[in-house]
Amino acid sequence: MTRLFAVVLVAAFTLGSSSLSASAQEKNSRCSIITGVIHGVSVPRLEEGVLTGFDVTVSKVTGPLSGGEIFASLKVTRFLDDGSMLFKGTHRFAGTRAGTFTTSDRGVTSADGRMGNILTISEGACGFLLTTGTVDVETGELVLEYTGLVGAEYKTPNPPVHRKRKREMQRKRSTGCGSEADRLHDCQIN
């Protein structure tokens, strides 16, 4: 059980963090490295007596994610033979020192409460977070350390216009010609 959890967690963080950090750095060179600790409570959601997910409310945070409210909604996607579970979901970070943003998450929790989660920022900023820690399987209390890159939301610049097309557009503007047919038949082009 411990070995499988470690393999899944290491694989997720190794594969996820390298591609996410490269993506975040490409998008915005102004991303900041952030770290801290999150304390909260995970409340299970049941449907017909079957665990389907968790709602997480954060009670205390240190570091750049402090100063606001953090909520999560996580859905169990798979139960593993060793008692671990895989999950996905979203977090909403509102009014934190690092800003207001939403993440898309995927993670794993072992049967004894160890967990790891990759949070990819999907709205309001750019970057990612990694969390590791424990959740008390009896009370739902959790303590997670986080680290990641967070920056201002990336705006895609206008796509480049091919030089020939740009010259055509400038010529049409300067001569008052609208269509290709107009330009060929009715307009004088210097």
N, C-alpha and C. Protein backbone atom coordinates (compact mmCIF):
# COMPACT_ATOMS: atom_id res chain seq x y z
N MET A 1 0.83 -1.18 0.00
CA MET A 1 0.00 0.00 0.00
C MET A 1 0.87 1.25 0.00
N THR A 2 1.85 1.33 0.86
CA THR A 2 2.73 2.49 0.95
C THR A 2 3.51 2.68 -0.35
N ARG A 3 3.99 1.58 -0.90
CA ARG A 3 4.78 1.64 -2.12
C ARG A 3 3.95 2.20 -3.28
N LEU A 4 2.69 1.71 -3.46
CA LEU A 4 1.84 2.20 -4.54
C LEU A 4 1.56 3.68 -4.37
N PHE A 5 1.23 4.10 -3.15
CA PHE A 5 0.95 5.51 -2.91
C PHE A 5 2.16 6.37 -3.28
N ALA A 6 3.34 5.94 -2.85
CA ALA A 6 4.56 6.69 -3.14
C ALA A 6 4.82 6.76 -4.63
N VAL A 7 4.62 5.67 -5.35
CA VAL A 7 4.84 5.65 -6.80
C VAL A 7 3.86 6.58 -7.50
N VAL A 8 2.57 6.51 -7.15
CA VAL A 8 1.57 7.37 -7.77
C VAL A 8 1.87 8.84 -7.47
N LEU A 9 2.19 9.14 -6.23
CA LEU A 9 2.46 10.52 -5.84
C LEU A 9 3.71 11.06 -6.51
N VAL A 10 4.79 10.32 -6.52
CA VAL A 10 6.02 10.77 -7.16
C VAL A 10 5.81 10.93 -8.65
N ALA A 11 5.14 9.99 -9.29
CA ALA A 11 4.89 10.09 -10.73
C ALA A 11 4.05 11.31 -11.04
N ALA A 12 3.00 11.53 -10.27
CA ALA A 12 2.13 12.69 -10.52
C ALA A 12 2.90 13.99 -10.36
N PHE A 13 3.67 14.11 -9.29
CA PHE A 13 4.40 15.35 -9.07
C PHE A 13 5.54 15.53 -10.06
N THR A 14 6.24 14.47 -10.38
CA THR A 14 7.36 14.58 -11.31
C THR A 14 6.87 14.96 -12.69
N LEU A 15 5.90 14.24 -13.20
CA LEU A 15 5.38 14.52 -14.53
C LEU A 15 4.61 15.83 -14.54
N GLY A 16 3.76 16.02 -13.56
CA GLY A 16 2.93 17.21 -13.52
C GLY A 16 3.71 18.47 -13.29
N SER A 17 4.63 18.48 -12.35
CA SER A 17 5.32 19.71 -12.00
C SER A 17 6.27 20.16 -13.10
N SER A 18 6.93 19.23 -13.78
CA SER A 18 7.86 19.66 -14.83
C SER A 18 7.11 20.28 -15.99
N SER A 19 5.99 19.69 -16.41
CA SER A 19 5.26 20.26 -17.53
C SER A 19 4.52 21.52 -17.10
N LEU A 20 4.00 21.53 -15.88
CA LEU A 20 3.30 22.71 -15.42
C LEU A 20 4.24 23.88 -15.21
N SER A 21 5.40 23.64 -14.62
CA SER A 21 6.30 24.76 -14.37
C SER A 21 6.83 25.32 -15.68
N ALA A 22 7.11 24.48 -16.66
CA ALA A 22 7.57 24.99 -17.95
C ALA A 22 6.47 25.82 -18.59
N SER A 23 5.23 25.32 -18.51
CA SER A 23 4.10 26.04 -19.09
C SER A 23 3.91 27.39 -18.39
N ALA A 24 3.96 27.39 -17.07
CA ALA A 24 3.77 28.63 -16.32
C ALA A 24 4.88 29.62 -16.62
N GLN A 25 6.12 29.16 -16.71
CA GLN A 25 7.22 30.06 -16.97
C GLN A 25 7.17 30.60 -18.38
N GLU A 26 6.74 29.79 -19.36
CA GLU A 26 6.61 30.28 -20.72
C GLU A 26 5.56 31.36 -20.79
N LYS A 27 4.46 31.15 -20.09
CA LYS A 27 3.36 32.09 -20.16
C LYS A 27 3.68 33.43 -19.51
N ASN A 28 4.41 33.43 -18.43
CA ASN A 28 4.59 34.67 -17.71
C ASN A 28 5.88 34.61 -16.90
N SER A 29 6.83 35.43 -17.28
CA SER A 29 8.09 35.44 -16.56
C SER A 29 7.97 36.15 -15.22
N ARG A 30 6.82 36.70 -14.90
CA ARG A 30 6.61 37.40 -13.63
C ARG A 30 5.95 36.52 -12.57
N CYS A 31 5.95 35.22 -12.76
CA CYS A 31 5.40 34.32 -11.75
C CYS A 31 6.28 34.36 -10.51
N SER A 32 5.66 34.26 -9.34
CA SER A 32 6.39 34.23 -8.08
C SER A 32 6.31 32.84 -7.48
N ILE A 33 7.40 32.40 -6.89
CA ILE A 33 7.40 31.14 -6.16
C ILE A 33 6.75 31.40 -4.81
N ILE A 34 5.78 30.57 -4.46
CA ILE A 34 5.09 30.74 -3.18
C ILE A 34 5.13 29.43 -2.40
N THR A 35 5.14 29.55 -1.08
CA THR A 35 5.11 28.38 -0.19
C THR A 35 4.34 28.75 1.07
N GLY A 36 3.81 27.76 1.74
CA GLY A 36 3.09 27.99 2.98
C GLY A 36 2.42 26.72 3.46
N VAL A 37 1.55 26.89 4.46
CA VAL A 37 0.84 25.77 5.06
C VAL A 37 -0.65 26.10 5.09
N ILE A 38 -1.47 25.08 4.81
CA ILE A 38 -2.93 25.22 4.81
C ILE A 38 -3.51 24.27 5.86
N HIS A 39 -4.42 24.80 6.69
CA HIS A 39 -5.17 24.00 7.66
C HIS A 39 -6.64 24.10 7.26
N GLY A 40 -7.35 22.99 7.30
CA GLY A 40 -8.75 23.03 6.95
C GLY A 40 -9.49 21.79 7.38
N VAL A 41 -10.73 21.70 6.90
CA VAL A 41 -11.58 20.55 7.20
C VAL A 41 -12.18 20.04 5.90
N SER A 42 -12.08 18.72 5.73
CA SER A 42 -12.63 18.05 4.56
C SER A 42 -13.90 17.32 4.98
N VAL A 43 -15.02 17.68 4.37
CA VAL A 43 -16.30 17.07 4.71
C VAL A 43 -16.70 16.13 3.56
N PRO A 44 -16.90 14.84 3.87
CA PRO A 44 -17.24 13.88 2.81
C PRO A 44 -18.64 14.11 2.25
N ARG A 45 -18.79 13.86 0.94
CA ARG A 45 -20.09 13.86 0.28
C ARG A 45 -20.45 12.40 -0.02
N LEU A 46 -21.64 12.00 0.37
CA LEU A 46 -22.09 10.62 0.16
C LEU A 46 -23.34 10.62 -0.71
N GLU A 47 -23.43 9.63 -1.59
CA GLU A 47 -24.65 9.39 -2.36
C GLU A 47 -25.03 7.94 -2.15
N GLU A 48 -26.20 7.73 -1.54
CA GLU A 48 -26.67 6.38 -1.23
C GLU A 48 -25.64 5.59 -0.43
N GLY A 49 -24.99 6.29 0.52
CA GLY A 49 -24.02 5.66 1.40
C GLY A 49 -22.64 5.44 0.79
N VAL A 50 -22.43 5.90 -0.43
CA VAL A 50 -21.15 5.72 -1.11
C VAL A 50 -20.42 7.07 -1.16
N LEU A 51 -19.14 7.07 -0.79
CA LEU A 51 -18.33 8.28 -0.84
C LEU A 51 -18.13 8.71 -2.29
N THR A 52 -18.55 9.95 -2.62
CA THR A 52 -18.40 10.44 -3.98
C THR A 52 -17.45 11.63 -4.08
N GLY A 53 -17.17 12.27 -2.94
CA GLY A 53 -16.29 13.43 -2.99
C GLY A 53 -16.15 14.11 -1.65
N PHE A 54 -15.54 15.30 -1.69
CA PHE A 54 -15.28 16.06 -0.48
C PHE A 54 -15.48 17.54 -0.76
N ASP A 55 -15.96 18.27 0.23
CA ASP A 55 -15.96 19.73 0.21
C ASP A 55 -14.97 20.16 1.28
N VAL A 56 -14.05 21.03 0.92
CA VAL A 56 -13.00 21.44 1.83
C VAL A 56 -13.15 22.93 2.13
N THR A 57 -13.14 23.27 3.41
CA THR A 57 -13.12 24.66 3.85
C THR A 57 -11.82 24.89 4.59
N VAL A 58 -11.12 25.92 4.20
CA VAL A 58 -9.82 26.23 4.81
C VAL A 58 -10.03 27.18 5.97
N SER A 59 -9.37 26.88 7.11
CA SER A 59 -9.53 27.70 8.31
C SER A 59 -8.33 28.58 8.60
N LYS A 60 -7.13 28.16 8.21
CA LYS A 60 -5.92 28.92 8.50
C LYS A 60 -4.90 28.67 7.39
N VAL A 61 -4.23 29.76 6.97
CA VAL A 61 -3.23 29.66 5.91
C VAL A 61 -2.05 30.55 6.25
N THR A 62 -0.85 30.08 5.94
CA THR A 62 0.33 30.93 6.06
C THR A 62 0.85 31.22 4.65
N GLY A 63 1.64 32.27 4.52
CA GLY A 63 2.23 32.60 3.23
C GLY A 63 1.29 33.39 2.33
N PRO A 64 1.61 33.46 1.04
CA PRO A 64 0.88 34.30 0.09
C PRO A 64 -0.59 33.90 -0.13
N LEU A 65 -0.99 32.71 0.24
CA LEU A 65 -2.40 32.33 0.07
C LEU A 65 -3.25 32.75 1.26
N SER A 66 -2.66 33.45 2.23
CA SER A 66 -3.42 33.92 3.39
C SER A 66 -4.17 35.20 3.03
N GLY A 67 -5.07 35.60 3.92
CA GLY A 67 -5.77 36.87 3.75
C GLY A 67 -7.07 36.79 2.99
N GLY A 68 -7.49 35.62 2.59
CA GLY A 68 -8.73 35.48 1.83
C GLY A 68 -9.47 34.22 2.23
N GLU A 69 -10.32 33.77 1.34
CA GLU A 69 -11.08 32.55 1.58
C GLU A 69 -10.71 31.51 0.54
N ILE A 70 -10.65 30.25 0.96
CA ILE A 70 -10.31 29.15 0.06
C ILE A 70 -11.32 28.03 0.27
N PHE A 71 -11.91 27.59 -0.84
CA PHE A 71 -12.87 26.48 -0.81
C PHE A 71 -12.48 25.49 -1.89
N ALA A 72 -12.81 24.23 -1.67
CA ALA A 72 -12.54 23.20 -2.68
C ALA A 72 -13.72 22.25 -2.78
N SER A 73 -13.94 21.76 -3.98
CA SER A 73 -14.91 20.71 -4.22
C SER A 73 -14.19 19.62 -5.00
N LEU A 74 -14.07 18.45 -4.38
CA LEU A 74 -13.30 17.36 -4.98
C LEU A 74 -14.20 16.15 -5.19
N LYS A 75 -14.02 15.49 -6.33
CA LYS A 75 -14.81 14.31 -6.67
C LYS A 75 -13.90 13.09 -6.72
N VAL A 76 -14.29 12.02 -6.04
CA VAL A 76 -13.53 10.78 -6.10
C VAL A 76 -13.72 10.18 -7.50
N THR A 77 -12.61 9.92 -8.18
CA THR A 77 -12.69 9.35 -9.53
C THR A 77 -12.40 7.86 -9.56
N ARG A 78 -11.69 7.37 -8.53
CA ARG A 78 -11.35 5.94 -8.53
C ARG A 78 -10.87 5.51 -7.15
N PHE A 79 -11.32 4.34 -6.73
CA PHE A 79 -10.82 3.72 -5.51
C PHE A 79 -9.82 2.65 -5.92
N LEU A 80 -8.66 2.64 -5.29
CA LEU A 80 -7.64 1.64 -5.59
C LEU A 80 -7.72 0.48 -4.60
N ASP A 81 -7.16 -0.66 -4.98
CA ASP A 81 -7.24 -1.87 -4.15
C ASP A 81 -6.63 -1.71 -2.76
N ASP A 82 -5.64 -0.82 -2.63
CA ASP A 82 -4.98 -0.65 -1.33
C ASP A 82 -5.71 0.34 -0.41
N GLY A 83 -6.88 0.83 -0.84
CA GLY A 83 -7.64 1.77 -0.01
C GLY A 83 -7.39 3.23 -0.38
N SER A 84 -6.45 3.49 -1.26
CA SER A 84 -6.20 4.86 -1.72
C SER A 84 -7.31 5.28 -2.67
N MET A 85 -7.45 6.58 -2.85
CA MET A 85 -8.43 7.08 -3.81
C MET A 85 -7.84 8.20 -4.64
N LEU A 86 -8.22 8.23 -5.89
CA LEU A 86 -7.83 9.31 -6.79
C LEU A 86 -8.98 10.30 -6.84
N PHE A 87 -8.67 11.58 -6.97
CA PHE A 87 -9.72 12.58 -7.03
C PHE A 87 -9.36 13.69 -8.00
N LYS A 88 -10.39 14.43 -8.41
CA LYS A 88 -10.19 15.64 -9.21
C LYS A 88 -11.21 16.66 -8.72
N GLY A 89 -11.00 17.91 -9.09
CA GLY A 89 -11.94 18.93 -8.64
C GLY A 89 -11.42 20.33 -8.88
N THR A 90 -11.90 21.26 -8.07
CA THR A 90 -11.51 22.66 -8.21
C THR A 90 -11.31 23.29 -6.83
N HIS A 91 -10.45 24.29 -6.79
CA HIS A 91 -10.28 25.16 -5.63
C HIS A 91 -10.61 26.58 -6.08
N ARG A 92 -11.17 27.37 -5.18
CA ARG A 92 -11.41 28.79 -5.43
C ARG A 92 -10.66 29.55 -4.35
N PHE A 93 -9.70 30.39 -4.78
CA PHE A 93 -8.92 31.23 -3.89
C PHE A 93 -9.44 32.65 -4.09
N ALA A 94 -10.10 33.22 -3.09
CA ALA A 94 -10.71 34.55 -3.23
C ALA A 94 -10.08 35.54 -2.27
N GLY A 95 -9.51 36.62 -2.80
CA GLY A 95 -8.97 37.69 -1.99
C GLY A 95 -7.70 37.36 -1.23
N THR A 96 -6.94 36.38 -1.67
CA THR A 96 -5.69 36.04 -0.98
C THR A 96 -4.62 37.07 -1.36
N ARG A 97 -3.52 37.08 -0.63
CA ARG A 97 -2.41 37.98 -0.96
C ARG A 97 -1.85 37.68 -2.35
N ALA A 98 -1.99 36.43 -2.81
CA ALA A 98 -1.53 36.04 -4.15
C ALA A 98 -2.57 36.35 -5.22
N GLY A 99 -3.75 36.80 -4.82
CA GLY A 99 -4.79 37.15 -5.79
C GLY A 99 -6.01 36.26 -5.67
N THR A 100 -6.92 36.44 -6.62
CA THR A 100 -8.14 35.65 -6.70
C THR A 100 -8.05 34.79 -7.95
N PHE A 101 -8.17 33.48 -7.79
CA PHE A 101 -8.06 32.59 -8.94
C PHE A 101 -8.72 31.25 -8.64
N THR A 102 -8.89 30.46 -9.69
CA THR A 102 -9.50 29.14 -9.61
C THR A 102 -8.51 28.12 -10.14
N THR A 103 -8.52 26.92 -9.56
CA THR A 103 -7.63 25.86 -10.03
C THR A 103 -8.43 24.63 -10.45
N SER A 104 -7.82 23.85 -11.31
CA SER A 104 -8.31 22.53 -11.68
C SER A 104 -7.34 21.54 -11.04
N ASP A 105 -7.87 20.58 -10.29
CA ASP A 105 -7.03 19.74 -9.42
C ASP A 105 -7.12 18.26 -9.78
N ARG A 106 -6.04 17.56 -9.45
CA ARG A 106 -6.04 16.10 -9.47
C ARG A 106 -5.08 15.64 -8.38
N GLY A 107 -5.46 14.56 -7.69
CA GLY A 107 -4.61 14.12 -6.60
C GLY A 107 -4.92 12.72 -6.14
N VAL A 108 -4.27 12.34 -5.03
CA VAL A 108 -4.41 11.01 -4.46
C VAL A 108 -4.36 11.12 -2.94
N THR A 109 -5.18 10.31 -2.29
CA THR A 109 -5.16 10.19 -0.83
C THR A 109 -5.01 8.72 -0.49
N SER A 110 -4.05 8.40 0.40
CA SER A 110 -3.85 7.01 0.82
C SER A 110 -4.89 6.64 1.87
N ALA A 111 -5.00 5.34 2.15
CA ALA A 111 -5.96 4.86 3.14
C ALA A 111 -5.66 5.40 4.54
N ASP A 112 -4.38 5.71 4.81
CA ASP A 112 -4.03 6.24 6.13
C ASP A 112 -4.00 7.77 6.18
N GLY A 113 -4.44 8.44 5.10
CA GLY A 113 -4.61 9.89 5.13
C GLY A 113 -3.51 10.73 4.53
N ARG A 114 -2.46 10.13 4.01
CA ARG A 114 -1.45 10.95 3.33
C ARG A 114 -1.99 11.36 1.97
N MET A 115 -1.70 12.58 1.58
CA MET A 115 -2.26 13.03 0.30
C MET A 115 -1.32 13.95 -0.46
N GLY A 116 -1.55 14.03 -1.74
CA GLY A 116 -0.84 14.93 -2.62
C GLY A 116 -1.78 15.39 -3.71
N ASN A 117 -1.61 16.64 -4.15
CA ASN A 117 -2.54 17.23 -5.09
C ASN A 117 -1.78 18.18 -6.01
N ILE A 118 -2.12 18.16 -7.29
CA ILE A 118 -1.59 19.11 -8.26
C ILE A 118 -2.73 20.04 -8.63
N LEU A 119 -2.54 21.35 -8.43
CA LEU A 119 -3.56 22.34 -8.73
C LEU A 119 -3.04 23.22 -9.87
N THR A 120 -3.68 23.14 -11.01
CA THR A 120 -3.31 23.95 -12.17
C THR A 120 -4.23 25.16 -12.21
N ILE A 121 -3.67 26.35 -12.20
CA ILE A 121 -4.50 27.55 -12.21
C ILE A 121 -5.18 27.66 -13.57
N SER A 122 -6.51 27.74 -13.54
CA SER A 122 -7.29 27.74 -14.77
C SER A 122 -7.97 29.07 -15.06
N GLU A 123 -8.04 29.95 -14.07
CA GLU A 123 -8.73 31.22 -14.26
C GLU A 123 -8.24 32.25 -13.25
N GLY A 124 -8.01 33.47 -13.71
CA GLY A 124 -7.66 34.57 -12.81
C GLY A 124 -6.18 34.81 -12.61
N ALA A 125 -5.34 33.88 -12.99
CA ALA A 125 -3.89 34.00 -12.85
C ALA A 125 -3.26 32.91 -13.71
N CYS A 126 -1.95 32.77 -13.61
CA CYS A 126 -1.28 31.66 -14.29
C CYS A 126 -0.39 30.96 -13.28
N GLY A 127 -0.09 29.70 -13.53
CA GLY A 127 0.81 28.96 -12.67
C GLY A 127 0.22 27.66 -12.16
N PHE A 128 0.75 27.18 -11.05
CA PHE A 128 0.32 25.92 -10.47
C PHE A 128 0.72 25.87 -9.00
N LEU A 129 0.12 24.95 -8.28
CA LEU A 129 0.47 24.67 -6.88
C LEU A 129 0.57 23.16 -6.70
N LEU A 130 1.45 22.74 -5.81
CA LEU A 130 1.54 21.35 -5.38
C LEU A 130 1.28 21.33 -3.89
N THR A 131 0.43 20.41 -3.43
CA THR A 131 0.19 20.29 -1.99
C THR A 131 0.49 18.86 -1.56
N THR A 132 1.07 18.72 -0.38
CA THR A 132 1.30 17.42 0.24
C THR A 132 1.01 17.55 1.72
N GLY A 133 0.54 16.48 2.31
CA GLY A 133 0.27 16.53 3.74
C GLY A 133 -0.59 15.37 4.17
N THR A 134 -1.38 15.63 5.22
CA THR A 134 -2.22 14.57 5.78
C THR A 134 -3.63 15.08 6.04
N VAL A 135 -4.55 14.14 6.01
CA VAL A 135 -5.92 14.40 6.42
C VAL A 135 -6.28 13.32 7.43
N ASP A 136 -6.86 13.72 8.55
CA ASP A 136 -7.30 12.78 9.56
C ASP A 136 -8.56 12.11 9.03
N VAL A 137 -8.49 10.81 8.75
CA VAL A 137 -9.61 10.12 8.12
C VAL A 137 -10.84 10.04 9.03
N GLU A 138 -10.67 10.26 10.33
CA GLU A 138 -11.80 10.23 11.26
C GLU A 138 -12.49 11.60 11.36
N THR A 139 -11.69 12.68 11.48
CA THR A 139 -12.26 14.01 11.71
C THR A 139 -12.32 14.88 10.46
N GLY A 140 -11.54 14.56 9.46
CA GLY A 140 -11.50 15.37 8.24
C GLY A 140 -10.54 16.55 8.32
N GLU A 141 -9.91 16.75 9.48
CA GLU A 141 -8.95 17.85 9.61
C GLU A 141 -7.74 17.57 8.73
N LEU A 142 -7.29 18.61 8.02
CA LEU A 142 -6.13 18.42 7.15
C LEU A 142 -5.09 19.50 7.36
N VAL A 143 -3.85 19.12 7.13
CA VAL A 143 -2.71 20.03 7.18
C VAL A 143 -1.89 19.74 5.93
N LEU A 144 -1.75 20.75 5.09
CA LEU A 144 -1.04 20.59 3.82
C LEU A 144 0.03 21.67 3.65
N GLU A 145 1.17 21.28 3.17
CA GLU A 145 2.18 22.24 2.75
C GLU A 145 1.97 22.49 1.27
N TYR A 146 2.12 23.74 0.84
CA TYR A 146 1.97 24.04 -0.57
C TYR A 146 3.21 24.75 -1.09
N THR A 147 3.46 24.57 -2.36
CA THR A 147 4.51 25.28 -3.07
C THR A 147 4.07 25.42 -4.53
N GLY A 148 4.52 26.45 -5.19
CA GLY A 148 4.13 26.61 -6.59
C GLY A 148 4.58 27.92 -7.17
N LEU A 149 4.11 28.17 -8.39
CA LEU A 149 4.34 29.42 -9.11
C LEU A 149 3.00 30.06 -9.38
N VAL A 150 2.87 31.34 -9.03
CA VAL A 150 1.62 32.06 -9.29
C VAL A 150 1.99 33.42 -9.86
N GLY A 151 1.30 33.82 -10.93
CA GLY A 151 1.54 35.11 -11.54
C GLY A 151 0.28 35.70 -12.11
N ALA A 152 0.41 36.91 -12.63
CA ALA A 152 -0.73 37.59 -13.23
C ALA A 152 -1.26 36.78 -14.39
N GLU A 153 -2.57 36.92 -14.64
CA GLU A 153 -3.18 36.17 -15.74
C GLU A 153 -2.50 36.54 -17.06
N TYR A 154 -2.21 35.53 -17.83
CA TYR A 154 -1.51 35.72 -19.10
C TYR A 154 -2.52 36.09 -20.18
N LYS A 155 -2.24 37.14 -20.90
CA LYS A 155 -3.07 37.56 -22.02
C LYS A 155 -2.34 37.21 -23.31
N THR A 156 -3.00 36.48 -24.18
CA THR A 156 -2.38 36.11 -25.44
C THR A 156 -2.28 37.34 -26.33
N PRO A 157 -1.09 37.65 -26.82
CA PRO A 157 -0.98 38.80 -27.72
C PRO A 157 -1.67 38.50 -29.03
N ASN A 158 -1.98 39.56 -29.77
CA ASN A 158 -2.59 39.35 -31.08
C ASN A 158 -1.65 38.51 -31.93
N PRO A 159 -2.21 37.57 -32.70
CA PRO A 159 -1.34 36.74 -33.52
C PRO A 159 -0.62 37.59 -34.56
N PRO A 160 0.60 37.21 -34.93
CA PRO A 160 1.33 38.00 -35.91
C PRO A 160 0.64 37.95 -37.26
N VAL A 161 0.68 39.06 -37.96
CA VAL A 161 0.10 39.14 -39.29
C VAL A 161 1.25 38.97 -40.29
N HIS A 162 1.04 38.11 -41.23
CA HIS A 162 2.05 37.88 -42.26
C HIS A 162 2.37 39.20 -42.95
N ARG A 163 3.63 39.47 -43.27
CA ARG A 163 4.05 40.76 -43.85
C ARG A 163 3.28 41.11 -45.12
N LYS A 164 3.12 40.13 -46.02
CA LYS A 164 2.42 40.39 -47.28
C LYS A 164 0.98 40.80 -47.00
N ARG A 165 0.31 40.10 -46.10
CA ARG A 165 -1.08 40.42 -45.75
C ARG A 165 -1.15 41.79 -45.08
N LYS A 166 -0.16 42.11 -44.26
CA LYS A 166 -0.14 43.41 -43.60
C LYS A 166 -0.01 44.53 -44.62
N ARG A 167 0.88 44.36 -45.61
CA ARG A 167 1.04 45.38 -46.67
C ARG A 167 -0.26 45.55 -47.45
N GLU A 168 -0.95 44.43 -47.75
CA GLU A 168 -2.22 44.50 -48.46
C GLU A 168 -3.23 45.32 -47.67
N MET A 169 -3.34 45.05 -46.39
CA MET A 169 -4.30 45.77 -45.55
C MET A 169 -3.95 47.25 -45.50
N GLN A 170 -2.66 47.61 -45.38
CA GLN A 170 -2.26 49.01 -45.36
C GLN A 170 -2.58 49.68 -46.69
N ARG A 171 -2.34 48.99 -47.79
CA ARG A 171 -2.62 49.52 -49.12
C ARG A 171 -4.11 49.79 -49.29
N LYS A 172 -4.94 48.86 -48.87
CA LYS A 172 -6.38 49.03 -48.98
C LYS A 172 -6.85 50.24 -48.17
N ARG A 173 -6.29 50.40 -46.98
CA ARG A 173 -6.67 51.55 -46.15
C ARG A 173 -6.26 52.86 -46.81
N SER A 174 -5.06 52.89 -47.37
CA SER A 174 -4.56 54.15 -47.94
C SER A 174 -5.22 54.50 -49.26
N THR A 175 -5.69 53.52 -50.01
CA THR A 175 -6.32 53.80 -51.30
C THR A 175 -7.83 53.82 -51.23
N GLY A 176 -8.39 53.37 -50.15
CA GLY A 176 -9.84 53.34 -50.01
C GLY A 176 -10.47 52.16 -50.72
N CYS A 177 -9.68 51.22 -51.16
CA CYS A 177 -10.22 50.05 -51.86
C CYS A 177 -10.67 49.02 -50.84
N GLY A 178 -11.85 48.44 -51.07
CA GLY A 178 -12.37 47.48 -50.12
C GLY A 178 -12.06 46.04 -50.47
N SER A 179 -12.50 45.59 -51.64
CA SER A 179 -12.33 44.19 -51.97
C SER A 179 -11.21 43.98 -52.97
N GLU A 180 -10.82 42.74 -53.15
CA GLU A 180 -9.79 42.39 -54.12
C GLU A 180 -10.22 42.81 -55.52
N ALA A 181 -11.49 42.59 -55.85
CA ALA A 181 -12.01 42.98 -57.16
C ALA A 181 -11.94 44.49 -57.34
N ASP A 182 -12.31 45.25 -56.31
CA ASP A 182 -12.22 46.71 -56.38
C ASP A 182 -10.79 47.14 -56.65
N ARG A 183 -9.88 46.53 -55.95
CA ARG A 183 -8.48 46.92 -56.08
C ARG A 183 -7.98 46.63 -57.49
N LEU A 184 -8.35 45.52 -58.06
CA LEU A 184 -7.87 45.16 -59.39
C LEU A 184 -8.51 46.01 -60.49
N HIS A 185 -9.78 46.33 -60.37
CA HIS A 185 -10.48 47.00 -61.46
C HIS A 185 -10.66 48.49 -61.29
N ASP A 186 -10.92 48.94 -60.10
CA ASP A 186 -11.33 50.33 -59.92
C ASP A 186 -10.30 51.22 -59.25
N CYS A 187 -9.32 50.67 -58.61
CA CYS A 187 -8.41 51.48 -57.81
C CYS A 187 -7.02 51.53 -58.43
N GLN A 188 -6.41 52.64 -58.32
CA GLN A 188 -5.02 52.76 -58.74
C GLN A 188 -4.15 52.51 -57.54
N ILE A 189 -3.21 51.62 -57.73
CA ILE A 189 -2.29 51.31 -56.65
C ILE A 189 -0.92 51.74 -57.09
N ASN A 190 -0.29 52.56 -56.30
CA ASN A 190 1.06 53.05 -56.64
C ASN A 190 2.09 52.00 -56.38
